[in-house]
C-alpha atoms as a PDB file:
ATOM      1  CA  UNK A   1      -0.221  -0.173  -0.251  1.00  0.00           C
ATOM      2  CA  UNK A   2       1.445   3.616  -0.793  1.00  0.00           C
ATOM      3  CA  UNK A   3       1.556   5.321   2.578  1.00  0.00           C
ATOM      4  CA  UNK A   4       2.209   8.751   0.943  1.00  0.00           C
ATOM      5  CA  UNK A   5      -0.799   8.455  -1.353  1.00  0.00           C
ATOM      6  CA  UNK A   6      -3.125   6.837   1.454  1.00  0.00           C
ATOM      7  CA  UNK A   7      -1.690  10.141   3.705  1.00  0.00           C
ATOM      8  CA  UNK A   8      -2.553  12.965   1.415  1.00  0.00           C
ATOM      9  CA  UNK A   9      -6.451  11.270   0.750  1.00  0.00           C
ATOM     10  CA  UNK A  10      -7.409  10.390   4.444  1.00  0.00           C
ATOM     11  CA  UNK A  11      -7.389  12.940   6.991  1.00  0.00           C
ATOM     12  CA  UNK A  12      -7.074   9.940   9.758  1.00  0.00           C
ATOM     13  CA  UNK A  13      -4.032   8.853   8.101  1.00  0.00           C
ATOM     14  CA  UNK A  14      -0.627  10.973   9.139  1.00  0.00           C
ATOM     15  CA  UNK A  15       3.081  10.426   9.039  1.00  0.00           C
ATOM     16  CA  UNK A  16       4.096   8.606  12.263  1.00  0.00           C
ATOM     17  CA  UNK A  17       6.950   9.052  14.470  1.00  0.00           C
ATOM     18  CA  UNK A  18      10.529   7.705  13.107  1.00  0.00           C
ATOM     19  CA  UNK A  19      11.317   4.014  14.797  1.00  0.00           C
ATOM     20  CA  UNK A  20      14.335   2.415  14.173  1.00  0.00           C
ATOM     21  CA  UNK A  21      14.751   3.566  10.806  1.00  0.00           C
ATOM     22  CA  UNK A  22      11.219   2.467   9.681  1.00  0.00           C
ATOM     23  CA  UNK A  23       8.659   4.252   8.236  1.00  0.00           C
ATOM     24  CA  UNK A  24       5.489   4.358   9.981  1.00  0.00           C
ATOM     25  CA  UNK A  25       2.262   5.932   9.826  1.00  0.00           C
ATOM     26  CA  UNK A  26      -0.601   6.860  12.316  1.00  0.00           C
ATOM     27  CA  UNK A  27      -4.073   6.029  12.446  1.00  0.00           C
ATOM     28  CA  UNK A  28      -6.573   7.984  14.150  1.00  0.00           C
ATOM     29  CA  UNK A  29     -10.381   7.204  15.188  1.00  0.00           C
ATOM     30  CA  UNK A  30     -12.438   8.951  12.494  1.00  0.00           C
ATOM     31  CA  UNK A  31     -14.138   7.872   9.447  1.00  0.00           C
ATOM     32  CA  UNK A  32     -12.016   8.607   6.400  1.00  0.00           C
ATOM     33  CA  UNK A  33     -10.351   4.965   6.368  1.00  0.00           C
ATOM     34  CA  UNK A  34     -12.659   1.945   5.570  1.00  0.00           C
ATOM     35  CA  UNK A  35     -12.249  -1.432   7.674  1.00  0.00           C
ATOM     36  CA  UNK A  36     -10.863  -3.161   4.581  1.00  0.00           C
ATOM     37  CA  UNK A  37      -8.116  -0.384   4.613  1.00  0.00           C
ATOM     38  CA  UNK A  38      -7.372  -0.726   8.212  1.00  0.00           C
ATOM     39  CA  UNK A  39      -7.395  -4.535   8.133  1.00  0.00           C
ATOM     40  CA  UNK A  40      -4.764  -4.792   4.970  1.00  0.00           C
ATOM     41  CA  UNK A  41      -2.478  -2.010   6.929  1.00  0.00           C
ATOM     42  CA  UNK A  42      -2.462  -3.759   9.767  1.00  0.00           C
ATOM     43  CA  UNK A  43      -1.878  -7.129   7.923  1.00  0.00           C
ATOM     44  CA  UNK A  44       1.106  -5.374   6.348  1.00  0.00           C
ATOM     45  CA  UNK A  45       2.413  -4.424   9.357  1.00  0.00           C
ATOM     46  CA  UNK A  46       2.086  -7.965  10.945  1.00  0.00           C
ATOM     47  CA  UNK A  47       4.063  -9.406   7.983  1.00  0.00           C
ATOM     48  CA  UNK A  48       6.989  -6.766   8.199  1.00  0.00           C
ATOM     49  CA  UNK A  49       7.402  -7.621  12.073  1.00  0.00           C
ATOM     50  CA  UNK A  50       7.151 -11.813  11.674  1.00  0.00           C
ATOM     51  CA  UNK A  51       9.404 -11.459   8.728  1.00  0.00           C
ATOM     52  CA  UNK A  52      12.306 -10.025  10.989  1.00  0.00           C
ATOM     53  CA  UNK A  53      12.171 -12.592  13.229  1.00  0.00           C
ATOM     54  CA  UNK A  54      13.853 -15.814  13.235  1.00  0.00           C
ATOM     55  CA  UNK A  55      12.086 -18.529  11.046  1.00  0.00           C
ATOM     56  CA  UNK A  56      12.317 -20.916  14.042  1.00  0.00           C
ATOM     57  CA  UNK A  57       9.940 -17.988  16.038  1.00  0.00           C
ATOM     58  CA  UNK A  58       7.624 -17.035  13.445  1.00  0.00           C
ATOM     59  CA  UNK A  59       4.096 -18.028  14.205  1.00  0.00           C
ATOM     60  CA  UNK A  60       3.219 -17.405  10.459  1.00  0.00           C
ATOM     61  CA  UNK A  61       4.989 -17.416   7.074  1.00  0.00           C
ATOM     62  CA  UNK A  62       5.064 -13.594   6.528  1.00  0.00           C
ATOM     63  CA  UNK A  63       5.288 -14.250   2.853  1.00  0.00           C
ATOM     64  CA  UNK A  64       1.751 -16.000   2.688  1.00  0.00           C
ATOM     65  CA  UNK A  65      -0.003 -14.864   5.835  1.00  0.00           C
ATOM     66  CA  UNK A  66      -3.269 -12.843   5.307  1.00  0.00           C
ATOM     67  CA  UNK A  67      -3.029 -12.946   1.243  1.00  0.00           C
ATOM     68  CA  UNK A  68      -5.785 -14.310  -0.542  1.00  0.00           C
ATOM     69  CA  UNK A  69      -4.742 -17.294  -2.780  1.00  0.00           C
END
């Protein structure tokens, strides 16, 4: 998902605080983001975090988790 485009089109989405060299966005409670977009953003973030874990500690496959087949 293109975070820059999302920030420009959704009032409830803003640039987040920098953390460990990663780019974050902040979602605020409002009505400019639909549930599907929020779920997609959370799932993408989860996959990124899991992907940084050692394979033996990954609870799911970060390459396939949450993707439609």
